[in-house]
Amino acid sequence: MPGLAIEEEGRLNDPGLREHFVDRVFGHARVRNFFAGRWTAESVIRFRSAEKAAVMAHDVEAARRLGRLVAGRGRLHREQLARSYRELHGAAFAWPATPGRQANVPTHLGGHLKGGLGSCDRQELREAIEDYRLGLVPVAVPLALLSRHLRAAGTEWARSQTYLRPYPKEFGLRGLISKPREERRAARHGRRPAVEAKAPLSP
């Protein structure tokens, strides 16, 4: 089945691999359950919109391709649209959500606060995101700040993102610090890991 998460049990002792595996399982389940129900062309738009930040945390280009797929939904049969969506979504989630990609998502979601943030709150959020990108704190730290601001003044689109709650918080996976292999290699060789380019994020 395309996009189905498969991993060796022993490798799940690695916090980063474990989070990626769970993220893929729940991402696959969301797409499977959506297309198993009584979906419409309009509900596909809403579903893709709510999934956009989650997909971008894994693969920015896949998020763009999903957007183009849904935009051209009128030219496709239902079965073809559902199959293509499942394949693209699954392929995106096959890529780990690296700190570089994930750091871009809360940055852009923070831009969807009505009226923006005060200078102190904005600086606090920026520092938390940067600390996460550098591997100093878990992603739960900037997301807790962001979620608080979104509850108070976030747009409906930003608050609807499944990226904010992709699986039960009781799993505790976002409270763990895990650096990707390339960042660990860079640290061993005294090199700063390449910063991934930021991409615009819009509803």
N, C-alpha and C. Protein backbone atom coordinates (compact mmCIF):
# COMPACT_ATOMS: atom_id res chain seq x y z
N MET A 1 0.84 -1.20 0.00
CA MET A 1 0.00 0.00 0.00
C MET A 1 0.87 1.24 0.00
N PRO A 2 0.64 2.20 -0.89
CA PRO A 2 1.50 3.39 -0.97
C PRO A 2 1.42 4.22 0.30
N GLY A 3 2.60 4.64 0.79
CA GLY A 3 2.62 5.50 1.96
C GLY A 3 2.51 4.79 3.28
N LEU A 4 2.35 3.46 3.27
CA LEU A 4 2.20 2.73 4.53
C LEU A 4 3.52 2.72 5.28
N ALA A 5 3.49 3.06 6.56
CA ALA A 5 4.70 3.15 7.37
C ALA A 5 5.15 1.76 7.81
N ILE A 6 6.40 1.44 7.52
CA ILE A 6 6.99 0.16 7.94
C ILE A 6 8.36 0.46 8.53
N GLU A 7 8.64 -0.09 9.71
CA GLU A 7 9.92 0.17 10.35
C GLU A 7 10.30 -1.02 11.21
N GLU A 8 11.61 -1.29 11.31
CA GLU A 8 12.10 -2.36 12.18
C GLU A 8 11.90 -1.95 13.64
N GLU A 9 11.45 -2.91 14.45
CA GLU A 9 11.12 -2.59 15.83
C GLU A 9 12.30 -2.03 16.59
N GLY A 10 13.49 -2.59 16.38
CA GLY A 10 14.66 -2.13 17.12
C GLY A 10 15.02 -0.69 16.80
N ARG A 11 14.77 -0.24 15.57
CA ARG A 11 15.10 1.12 15.18
C ARG A 11 14.18 2.15 15.84
N LEU A 12 13.04 1.68 16.34
CA LEU A 12 12.11 2.61 16.97
C LEU A 12 12.59 3.09 18.34
N ASN A 13 13.72 2.57 18.80
CA ASN A 13 14.32 3.09 20.03
C ASN A 13 14.92 4.47 19.82
N ASP A 14 15.19 4.81 18.55
CA ASP A 14 15.67 6.15 18.22
C ASP A 14 14.48 7.11 18.26
N PRO A 15 14.55 8.18 19.10
CA PRO A 15 13.40 9.10 19.23
C PRO A 15 12.95 9.71 17.91
N GLY A 16 13.90 10.08 17.06
CA GLY A 16 13.54 10.69 15.79
C GLY A 16 12.83 9.72 14.87
N LEU A 17 13.34 8.49 14.78
CA LEU A 17 12.71 7.49 13.94
C LEU A 17 11.34 7.11 14.48
N ARG A 18 11.22 7.06 15.81
CA ARG A 18 9.94 6.71 16.42
C ARG A 18 8.89 7.77 16.12
N GLU A 19 9.27 9.04 16.24
CA GLU A 19 8.32 10.12 15.94
C GLU A 19 7.91 10.09 14.47
N HIS A 20 8.89 9.87 13.59
CA HIS A 20 8.60 9.82 12.16
C HIS A 20 7.63 8.68 11.85
N PHE A 21 7.86 7.53 12.46
CA PHE A 21 6.99 6.37 12.23
C PHE A 21 5.56 6.66 12.67
N VAL A 22 5.40 7.20 13.87
CA VAL A 22 4.06 7.50 14.38
C VAL A 22 3.39 8.57 13.52
N ASP A 23 4.15 9.58 13.12
CA ASP A 23 3.62 10.65 12.27
C ASP A 23 3.10 10.07 10.95
N ARG A 24 3.85 9.13 10.37
CA ARG A 24 3.42 8.50 9.12
C ARG A 24 2.17 7.66 9.31
N VAL A 25 2.12 6.93 10.42
CA VAL A 25 0.95 6.08 10.69
C VAL A 25 -0.32 6.93 10.78
N PHE A 26 -0.24 8.01 11.55
CA PHE A 26 -1.43 8.85 11.72
C PHE A 26 -1.75 9.64 10.45
N GLY A 27 -0.71 10.06 9.71
CA GLY A 27 -0.96 10.74 8.46
C GLY A 27 -1.65 9.83 7.46
N HIS A 28 -1.18 8.59 7.37
CA HIS A 28 -1.81 7.61 6.49
C HIS A 28 -3.26 7.37 6.91
N ALA A 29 -3.50 7.27 8.20
CA ALA A 29 -4.85 7.00 8.70
C ALA A 29 -5.80 8.15 8.37
N ARG A 30 -5.32 9.39 8.48
CA ARG A 30 -6.18 10.53 8.17
C ARG A 30 -6.63 10.50 6.72
N VAL A 31 -5.68 10.25 5.82
CA VAL A 31 -6.02 10.22 4.39
C VAL A 31 -6.92 9.03 4.08
N ARG A 32 -6.59 7.87 4.64
CA ARG A 32 -7.41 6.68 4.40
C ARG A 32 -8.85 6.89 4.87
N ASN A 33 -9.00 7.43 6.08
CA ASN A 33 -10.34 7.63 6.63
C ASN A 33 -11.13 8.67 5.84
N PHE A 34 -10.43 9.71 5.37
CA PHE A 34 -11.12 10.74 4.60
C PHE A 34 -11.71 10.17 3.32
N PHE A 35 -10.88 9.46 2.54
CA PHE A 35 -11.36 8.96 1.26
C PHE A 35 -12.26 7.73 1.40
N ALA A 36 -12.26 7.12 2.58
CA ALA A 36 -13.18 6.01 2.82
C ALA A 36 -14.59 6.52 3.13
N GLY A 37 -14.70 7.80 3.47
CA GLY A 37 -15.99 8.39 3.78
C GLY A 37 -16.67 8.96 2.55
N ARG A 38 -17.72 9.73 2.79
CA ARG A 38 -18.50 10.32 1.70
C ARG A 38 -17.95 11.72 1.41
N TRP A 39 -16.84 11.76 0.70
CA TRP A 39 -16.16 13.02 0.44
C TRP A 39 -16.67 13.66 -0.85
N THR A 40 -16.49 14.96 -0.92
CA THR A 40 -16.88 15.75 -2.09
C THR A 40 -15.69 16.57 -2.55
N ALA A 41 -15.83 17.20 -3.72
CA ALA A 41 -14.76 18.05 -4.23
C ALA A 41 -14.48 19.19 -3.27
N GLU A 42 -15.52 19.73 -2.63
CA GLU A 42 -15.34 20.83 -1.69
C GLU A 42 -14.65 20.35 -0.40
N SER A 43 -14.99 19.15 0.05
CA SER A 43 -14.37 18.65 1.28
C SER A 43 -12.90 18.31 1.06
N VAL A 44 -12.52 17.96 -0.18
CA VAL A 44 -11.12 17.72 -0.48
C VAL A 44 -10.32 19.00 -0.31
N ILE A 45 -10.90 20.12 -0.72
CA ILE A 45 -10.23 21.41 -0.55
C ILE A 45 -9.97 21.68 0.92
N ARG A 46 -10.99 21.46 1.76
CA ARG A 46 -10.84 21.71 3.19
C ARG A 46 -9.82 20.76 3.81
N PHE A 47 -9.85 19.51 3.39
CA PHE A 47 -8.92 18.53 3.94
C PHE A 47 -7.48 18.88 3.57
N ARG A 48 -7.26 19.20 2.29
CA ARG A 48 -5.91 19.56 1.86
C ARG A 48 -5.41 20.80 2.58
N SER A 49 -6.32 21.76 2.80
CA SER A 49 -5.95 22.99 3.49
C SER A 49 -5.51 22.70 4.92
N ALA A 50 -6.25 21.83 5.62
CA ALA A 50 -5.92 21.51 7.01
C ALA A 50 -4.63 20.70 7.11
N GLU A 51 -4.30 19.94 6.06
CA GLU A 51 -3.10 19.10 6.07
C GLU A 51 -1.86 19.84 5.57
N LYS A 52 -2.02 21.04 5.05
CA LYS A 52 -0.93 21.69 4.33
C LYS A 52 0.33 21.86 5.17
N ALA A 53 0.21 22.38 6.37
CA ALA A 53 1.39 22.60 7.19
C ALA A 53 2.06 21.28 7.55
N ALA A 54 1.27 20.24 7.83
CA ALA A 54 1.83 18.93 8.16
C ALA A 54 2.63 18.37 6.99
N VAL A 55 2.11 18.53 5.78
CA VAL A 55 2.83 18.03 4.61
C VAL A 55 4.10 18.83 4.38
N MET A 56 4.04 20.14 4.54
CA MET A 56 5.21 20.98 4.32
C MET A 56 6.32 20.69 5.31
N ALA A 57 5.98 20.22 6.49
CA ALA A 57 7.01 19.86 7.46
C ALA A 57 7.84 18.68 6.97
N HIS A 58 7.28 17.92 6.01
CA HIS A 58 7.99 16.78 5.44
C HIS A 58 8.57 17.09 4.07
N ASP A 59 7.78 17.73 3.21
CA ASP A 59 8.21 17.93 1.83
C ASP A 59 7.45 19.12 1.23
N VAL A 60 8.15 20.24 1.08
CA VAL A 60 7.52 21.46 0.58
C VAL A 60 6.99 21.28 -0.83
N GLU A 61 7.77 20.64 -1.69
CA GLU A 61 7.34 20.47 -3.07
C GLU A 61 6.11 19.58 -3.17
N ALA A 62 6.02 18.57 -2.33
CA ALA A 62 4.83 17.71 -2.33
C ALA A 62 3.59 18.50 -1.94
N ALA A 63 3.75 19.45 -1.02
CA ALA A 63 2.61 20.29 -0.63
C ALA A 63 2.14 21.11 -1.82
N ARG A 64 3.08 21.61 -2.61
CA ARG A 64 2.70 22.37 -3.81
C ARG A 64 2.00 21.47 -4.82
N ARG A 65 2.51 20.26 -5.00
CA ARG A 65 1.91 19.33 -5.95
C ARG A 65 0.50 18.93 -5.52
N LEU A 66 0.30 18.75 -4.23
CA LEU A 66 -1.04 18.44 -3.74
C LEU A 66 -1.99 19.61 -3.99
N GLY A 67 -1.48 20.82 -3.84
CA GLY A 67 -2.29 22.00 -4.12
C GLY A 67 -2.71 22.05 -5.57
N ARG A 68 -1.76 21.75 -6.48
CA ARG A 68 -2.09 21.75 -7.91
C ARG A 68 -3.05 20.62 -8.25
N LEU A 69 -2.87 19.47 -7.59
CA LEU A 69 -3.78 18.34 -7.83
C LEU A 69 -5.21 18.70 -7.45
N VAL A 70 -5.38 19.28 -6.27
CA VAL A 70 -6.73 19.63 -5.81
C VAL A 70 -7.31 20.75 -6.66
N ALA A 71 -6.47 21.69 -7.08
CA ALA A 71 -6.95 22.79 -7.92
C ALA A 71 -7.48 22.26 -9.25
N GLY A 72 -6.91 21.17 -9.76
CA GLY A 72 -7.35 20.61 -11.03
C GLY A 72 -8.28 19.43 -10.87
N ARG A 73 -8.94 19.34 -9.70
CA ARG A 73 -9.79 18.19 -9.38
C ARG A 73 -10.91 17.98 -10.41
N GLY A 74 -11.38 19.05 -11.04
CA GLY A 74 -12.48 18.93 -11.99
C GLY A 74 -12.12 18.15 -13.23
N ARG A 75 -10.82 17.98 -13.50
CA ARG A 75 -10.39 17.26 -14.70
C ARG A 75 -10.15 15.77 -14.43
N LEU A 76 -10.36 15.35 -13.17
CA LEU A 76 -10.04 13.97 -12.79
C LEU A 76 -11.28 13.22 -12.34
N HIS A 77 -11.28 11.91 -12.56
CA HIS A 77 -12.32 11.07 -11.99
C HIS A 77 -12.08 10.95 -10.49
N ARG A 78 -13.12 10.66 -9.75
CA ARG A 78 -12.99 10.56 -8.29
C ARG A 78 -11.91 9.56 -7.88
N GLU A 79 -11.92 8.39 -8.50
CA GLU A 79 -10.95 7.37 -8.13
C GLU A 79 -9.52 7.82 -8.42
N GLN A 80 -9.34 8.52 -9.54
CA GLN A 80 -8.01 9.01 -9.90
C GLN A 80 -7.54 10.08 -8.94
N LEU A 81 -8.44 10.98 -8.55
CA LEU A 81 -8.09 12.03 -7.59
C LEU A 81 -7.71 11.43 -6.25
N ALA A 82 -8.51 10.48 -5.77
CA ALA A 82 -8.23 9.86 -4.47
C ALA A 82 -6.91 9.11 -4.51
N ARG A 83 -6.67 8.35 -5.58
CA ARG A 83 -5.43 7.58 -5.68
C ARG A 83 -4.21 8.50 -5.74
N SER A 84 -4.28 9.54 -6.56
CA SER A 84 -3.15 10.46 -6.68
C SER A 84 -2.89 11.19 -5.39
N TYR A 85 -3.96 11.58 -4.68
CA TYR A 85 -3.78 12.28 -3.42
C TYR A 85 -3.10 11.37 -2.40
N ARG A 86 -3.58 10.13 -2.29
CA ARG A 86 -2.98 9.20 -1.33
C ARG A 86 -1.51 8.98 -1.63
N GLU A 87 -1.17 8.84 -2.91
CA GLU A 87 0.21 8.58 -3.28
C GLU A 87 1.11 9.77 -2.97
N LEU A 88 0.67 10.98 -3.30
CA LEU A 88 1.48 12.17 -3.03
C LEU A 88 1.64 12.41 -1.54
N HIS A 89 0.56 12.27 -0.80
CA HIS A 89 0.60 12.48 0.64
C HIS A 89 1.53 11.46 1.31
N GLY A 90 1.39 10.19 0.90
CA GLY A 90 2.25 9.15 1.46
C GLY A 90 3.71 9.35 1.13
N ALA A 91 4.00 9.77 -0.10
CA ALA A 91 5.38 10.02 -0.51
C ALA A 91 5.98 11.17 0.29
N ALA A 92 5.19 12.20 0.56
CA ALA A 92 5.68 13.33 1.35
C ALA A 92 6.05 12.89 2.76
N PHE A 93 5.17 12.11 3.39
CA PHE A 93 5.41 11.69 4.77
C PHE A 93 6.52 10.65 4.88
N ALA A 94 6.95 10.08 3.76
CA ALA A 94 8.08 9.16 3.79
C ALA A 94 9.37 9.89 4.13
N TRP A 95 9.39 11.20 3.88
CA TRP A 95 10.57 12.01 4.24
C TRP A 95 10.44 12.47 5.68
N PRO A 96 11.51 12.38 6.48
CA PRO A 96 11.43 12.84 7.88
C PRO A 96 11.17 14.35 7.95
N ALA A 97 10.43 14.75 8.95
CA ALA A 97 10.20 16.18 9.20
C ALA A 97 11.41 16.71 9.96
N THR A 98 12.41 17.20 9.21
CA THR A 98 13.66 17.65 9.83
C THR A 98 13.44 18.94 10.62
N PRO A 99 14.33 19.24 11.56
CA PRO A 99 14.22 20.51 12.28
C PRO A 99 14.18 21.72 11.36
N GLY A 100 14.94 21.68 10.26
CA GLY A 100 14.93 22.80 9.33
C GLY A 100 13.57 23.03 8.72
N ARG A 101 12.93 21.95 8.25
CA ARG A 101 11.61 22.08 7.65
C ARG A 101 10.57 22.43 8.72
N GLN A 102 10.64 21.75 9.85
CA GLN A 102 9.64 22.00 10.90
C GLN A 102 9.75 23.41 11.45
N ALA A 103 10.96 23.95 11.53
CA ALA A 103 11.12 25.30 12.06
C ALA A 103 10.43 26.32 11.17
N ASN A 104 10.38 26.05 9.86
CA ASN A 104 9.71 26.98 8.96
C ASN A 104 8.21 27.03 9.19
N VAL A 105 7.62 25.90 9.59
CA VAL A 105 6.17 25.83 9.72
C VAL A 105 5.64 26.74 10.83
N PRO A 106 6.12 26.63 12.08
CA PRO A 106 5.61 27.57 13.09
C PRO A 106 5.95 29.02 12.79
N THR A 107 7.05 29.26 12.08
CA THR A 107 7.38 30.63 11.68
C THR A 107 6.27 31.21 10.81
N HIS A 108 5.84 30.43 9.82
CA HIS A 108 4.81 30.91 8.91
C HIS A 108 3.43 30.90 9.56
N LEU A 109 3.16 29.92 10.39
CA LEU A 109 1.87 29.93 11.09
C LEU A 109 1.77 31.15 12.00
N GLY A 110 2.90 31.57 12.55
CA GLY A 110 2.91 32.77 13.38
C GLY A 110 2.55 34.01 12.59
N GLY A 111 2.72 33.96 11.28
CA GLY A 111 2.33 35.09 10.44
C GLY A 111 0.83 35.15 10.21
N HIS A 112 0.09 34.16 10.70
CA HIS A 112 -1.36 34.14 10.54
C HIS A 112 -2.07 34.49 11.84
N LEU A 113 -1.43 35.36 12.62
CA LEU A 113 -2.05 35.88 13.83
C LEU A 113 -2.69 37.22 13.52
N LYS A 114 -3.93 37.38 13.87
CA LYS A 114 -4.65 38.62 13.59
C LYS A 114 -4.01 39.77 14.36
N GLY A 115 -3.54 40.76 13.62
CA GLY A 115 -2.92 41.90 14.27
C GLY A 115 -1.47 41.67 14.64
N GLY A 116 -0.95 40.44 14.41
CA GLY A 116 0.44 40.17 14.72
C GLY A 116 0.70 40.05 16.21
N LEU A 117 1.98 39.95 16.56
CA LEU A 117 2.39 39.82 17.95
C LEU A 117 3.12 41.07 18.40
N GLY A 118 3.12 41.29 19.71
CA GLY A 118 3.93 42.36 20.26
C GLY A 118 5.40 42.01 20.10
N SER A 119 6.27 42.98 20.21
CA SER A 119 7.70 42.74 19.96
C SER A 119 8.28 41.70 20.90
N CYS A 120 7.89 41.72 22.16
CA CYS A 120 8.42 40.75 23.13
C CYS A 120 7.95 39.34 22.82
N ASP A 121 6.66 39.19 22.54
CA ASP A 121 6.13 37.87 22.19
C ASP A 121 6.73 37.35 20.90
N ARG A 122 6.89 38.23 19.92
CA ARG A 122 7.47 37.83 18.65
C ARG A 122 8.90 37.35 18.82
N GLN A 123 9.69 38.07 19.62
CA GLN A 123 11.07 37.68 19.86
C GLN A 123 11.15 36.37 20.63
N GLU A 124 10.25 36.19 21.59
CA GLU A 124 10.23 34.95 22.35
C GLU A 124 9.95 33.76 21.44
N LEU A 125 8.99 33.92 20.52
CA LEU A 125 8.66 32.84 19.61
C LEU A 125 9.81 32.56 18.65
N ARG A 126 10.43 33.61 18.13
CA ARG A 126 11.56 33.42 17.22
C ARG A 126 12.71 32.68 17.90
N GLU A 127 13.00 33.04 19.13
CA GLU A 127 14.10 32.39 19.85
C GLU A 127 13.78 30.92 20.12
N ALA A 128 12.53 30.63 20.45
CA ALA A 128 12.14 29.24 20.71
C ALA A 128 12.25 28.41 19.44
N ILE A 129 11.84 28.96 18.31
CA ILE A 129 11.94 28.24 17.04
C ILE A 129 13.40 28.01 16.67
N GLU A 130 14.24 29.02 16.85
CA GLU A 130 15.65 28.88 16.52
C GLU A 130 16.33 27.88 17.46
N ASP A 131 15.98 27.90 18.73
CA ASP A 131 16.55 26.93 19.67
C ASP A 131 16.17 25.51 19.27
N TYR A 132 14.94 25.34 18.77
CA TYR A 132 14.54 24.01 18.29
C TYR A 132 15.34 23.63 17.06
N ARG A 133 15.49 24.55 16.12
CA ARG A 133 16.22 24.24 14.89
C ARG A 133 17.65 23.83 15.19
N LEU A 134 18.24 24.41 16.23
CA LEU A 134 19.62 24.10 16.61
C LEU A 134 19.72 22.85 17.49
N GLY A 135 18.58 22.27 17.84
CA GLY A 135 18.59 21.06 18.65
C GLY A 135 18.76 21.31 20.14
N LEU A 136 18.44 22.51 20.60
CA LEU A 136 18.60 22.85 22.02
C LEU A 136 17.34 22.54 22.83
N VAL A 137 16.19 22.58 22.19
CA VAL A 137 14.92 22.29 22.87
C VAL A 137 14.07 21.44 21.95
N PRO A 138 13.10 20.71 22.48
CA PRO A 138 12.19 19.94 21.62
C PRO A 138 11.21 20.85 20.91
N VAL A 139 10.58 20.34 19.86
CA VAL A 139 9.63 21.14 19.09
C VAL A 139 8.42 21.54 19.93
N ALA A 140 8.17 20.81 21.01
CA ALA A 140 7.04 21.15 21.88
C ALA A 140 7.15 22.55 22.46
N VAL A 141 8.36 23.06 22.60
CA VAL A 141 8.55 24.39 23.20
C VAL A 141 8.01 25.50 22.30
N PRO A 142 8.48 25.62 21.04
CA PRO A 142 7.89 26.67 20.19
C PRO A 142 6.42 26.42 19.88
N LEU A 143 6.01 25.15 19.78
CA LEU A 143 4.60 24.87 19.47
C LEU A 143 3.67 25.25 20.61
N ALA A 144 4.15 25.12 21.84
CA ALA A 144 3.33 25.54 22.98
C ALA A 144 3.10 27.04 22.95
N LEU A 145 4.15 27.80 22.65
CA LEU A 145 4.01 29.25 22.53
C LEU A 145 3.09 29.61 21.37
N LEU A 146 3.32 28.98 20.22
CA LEU A 146 2.51 29.28 19.04
C LEU A 146 1.04 28.95 19.29
N SER A 147 0.76 27.80 19.87
CA SER A 147 -0.62 27.39 20.12
C SER A 147 -1.33 28.38 21.03
N ARG A 148 -0.61 28.88 22.01
CA ARG A 148 -1.21 29.86 22.92
C ARG A 148 -1.61 31.13 22.17
N HIS A 149 -0.73 31.59 21.29
CA HIS A 149 -1.03 32.80 20.52
C HIS A 149 -2.14 32.55 19.50
N LEU A 150 -2.15 31.37 18.89
CA LEU A 150 -3.19 31.06 17.91
C LEU A 150 -4.56 30.98 18.56
N ARG A 151 -4.62 30.44 19.77
CA ARG A 151 -5.91 30.38 20.47
C ARG A 151 -6.45 31.77 20.73
N ALA A 152 -5.54 32.69 20.98
CA ALA A 152 -5.97 34.05 21.32
C ALA A 152 -6.28 34.89 20.09
N ALA A 153 -5.48 34.73 19.02
CA ALA A 153 -5.64 35.63 17.88
C ALA A 153 -5.30 34.99 16.55
N GLY A 154 -5.39 33.68 16.44
CA GLY A 154 -5.05 33.02 15.19
C GLY A 154 -6.18 33.00 14.19
N THR A 155 -5.83 32.95 12.92
CA THR A 155 -6.86 32.83 11.89
C THR A 155 -7.45 31.43 11.94
N GLU A 156 -8.63 31.29 11.36
CA GLU A 156 -9.29 29.97 11.35
C GLU A 156 -8.42 28.94 10.63
N TRP A 157 -7.77 29.36 9.52
CA TRP A 157 -6.92 28.43 8.78
C TRP A 157 -5.77 27.93 9.65
N ALA A 158 -5.10 28.83 10.35
CA ALA A 158 -3.95 28.44 11.17
C ALA A 158 -4.38 27.50 12.30
N ARG A 159 -5.50 27.81 12.93
CA ARG A 159 -5.96 26.98 14.05
C ARG A 159 -6.41 25.60 13.58
N SER A 160 -6.78 25.47 12.29
CA SER A 160 -7.29 24.20 11.79
C SER A 160 -6.20 23.22 11.39
N GLN A 161 -4.93 23.63 11.44
CA GLN A 161 -3.86 22.78 10.93
C GLN A 161 -3.65 21.52 11.77
N THR A 162 -3.69 20.36 11.12
CA THR A 162 -3.46 19.11 11.84
C THR A 162 -2.02 19.00 12.33
N TYR A 163 -1.13 19.80 11.75
CA TYR A 163 0.27 19.81 12.21
C TYR A 163 0.35 20.13 13.70
N LEU A 164 -0.56 20.93 14.20
CA LEU A 164 -0.52 21.31 15.62
C LEU A 164 -0.90 20.14 16.53
N ARG A 165 -1.71 19.21 16.02
CA ARG A 165 -2.15 18.05 16.82
C ARG A 165 -2.21 16.82 15.91
N PRO A 166 -1.07 16.33 15.45
CA PRO A 166 -1.09 15.22 14.48
C PRO A 166 -1.40 13.86 15.08
N TYR A 167 -1.19 13.71 16.39
CA TYR A 167 -1.47 12.46 17.09
C TYR A 167 -1.65 12.79 18.57
N PRO A 168 -2.15 11.86 19.38
CA PRO A 168 -2.43 12.16 20.79
C PRO A 168 -1.19 12.68 21.53
N LYS A 169 -1.38 13.75 22.28
CA LYS A 169 -0.25 14.34 23.02
C LYS A 169 0.29 13.41 24.08
N GLU A 170 -0.53 12.42 24.47
CA GLU A 170 -0.08 11.47 25.49
C GLU A 170 1.12 10.64 25.03
N PHE A 171 1.36 10.60 23.73
CA PHE A 171 2.52 9.88 23.23
C PHE A 171 3.82 10.55 23.66
N GLY A 172 3.76 11.85 23.89
CA GLY A 172 4.93 12.57 24.38
C GLY A 172 6.09 12.67 23.41
N LEU A 173 5.86 12.44 22.13
CA LEU A 173 6.96 12.40 21.16
C LEU A 173 7.54 13.78 20.87
N ARG A 174 6.73 14.81 20.96
CA ARG A 174 7.23 16.14 20.64
C ARG A 174 7.99 16.78 21.79
N GLY A 175 8.09 16.06 22.89
CA GLY A 175 8.87 16.56 24.01
C GLY A 175 10.30 16.03 24.01
N LEU A 176 10.68 15.34 22.93
CA LEU A 176 12.01 14.74 22.82
C LEU A 176 12.88 15.54 21.86
N ILE A 177 14.16 15.59 22.15
CA ILE A 177 15.12 16.26 21.26
C ILE A 177 15.78 15.20 20.39
N SER A 178 15.71 15.39 19.10
CA SER A 178 16.33 14.44 18.17
C SER A 178 16.91 15.21 17.01
N LYS A 179 18.22 15.09 16.82
CA LYS A 179 18.87 15.75 15.69
C LYS A 179 18.98 14.75 14.53
N PRO A 180 18.75 15.21 13.30
CA PRO A 180 18.89 14.32 12.15
C PRO A 180 20.35 13.92 11.94
N ARG A 181 20.53 12.84 11.21
CA ARG A 181 21.89 12.31 10.99
C ARG A 181 22.83 13.35 10.39
N GLU A 182 22.35 14.13 9.43
CA GLU A 182 23.24 15.08 8.77
C GLU A 182 23.72 16.16 9.74
N GLU A 183 22.88 16.51 10.72
CA GLU A 183 23.30 17.51 11.69
C GLU A 183 24.32 16.91 12.65
N ARG A 184 24.15 15.62 13.00
CA ARG A 184 25.14 15.00 13.87
C ARG A 184 26.48 14.86 13.15
N ARG A 185 26.44 14.53 11.86
CA ARG A 185 27.68 14.44 11.08
C ARG A 185 28.36 15.80 11.00
N ALA A 186 27.59 16.84 10.77
CA ALA A 186 28.16 18.18 10.67
C ALA A 186 28.81 18.58 11.98
N ALA A 187 28.16 18.22 13.08
CA ALA A 187 28.73 18.57 14.39
C ALA A 187 30.05 17.84 14.62
N ARG A 188 30.12 16.55 14.21
CA ARG A 188 31.36 15.79 14.41
C ARG A 188 32.51 16.38 13.61
N HIS A 189 32.20 16.93 12.43
CA HIS A 189 33.25 17.47 11.56
C HIS A 189 33.41 18.98 11.70
N GLY A 190 32.75 19.55 12.69
CA GLY A 190 32.91 20.97 12.93
C GLY A 190 32.25 21.85 11.90
N ARG A 191 31.26 21.31 11.16
CA ARG A 191 30.57 22.07 10.14
C ARG A 191 29.17 22.42 10.60
N ARG A 192 28.73 23.60 10.25
CA ARG A 192 27.36 24.00 10.54
C ARG A 192 26.45 23.39 9.48
N PRO A 193 25.38 22.67 9.86
CA PRO A 193 24.49 22.08 8.87
C PRO A 193 23.82 23.13 8.01
N ALA A 194 23.57 22.77 6.76
CA ALA A 194 22.92 23.70 5.83
C ALA A 194 21.53 24.04 6.31
N VAL A 195 21.18 25.32 6.24
CA VAL A 195 19.85 25.77 6.62
C VAL A 195 18.92 25.61 5.43
N GLU A 196 17.80 24.95 5.63
CA GLU A 196 16.88 24.74 4.53
C GLU A 196 16.14 26.02 4.21
N ALA A 197 15.97 26.27 2.93
CA ALA A 197 15.33 27.50 2.48
C ALA A 197 13.89 27.58 2.97
N LYS A 198 13.47 28.78 3.36
CA LYS A 198 12.11 28.97 3.80
C LYS A 198 11.20 29.18 2.60
N ALA A 199 10.03 28.59 2.66
CA ALA A 199 9.07 28.69 1.56
C ALA A 199 7.82 29.36 2.06
N PRO A 200 7.18 30.17 1.23
CA PRO A 200 5.97 30.84 1.67
C PRO A 200 4.87 29.85 1.96
N LEU A 201 4.09 30.11 2.97
CA LEU A 201 2.99 29.23 3.38
C LEU A 201 1.73 30.05 3.42
N SER A 202 0.76 29.70 2.57
CA SER A 202 -0.49 30.45 2.53
C SER A 202 -1.63 29.46 2.50
N PRO A 203 -2.81 29.86 2.91
CA PRO A 203 -3.95 28.93 2.93
C PRO A 203 -4.22 28.35 1.55
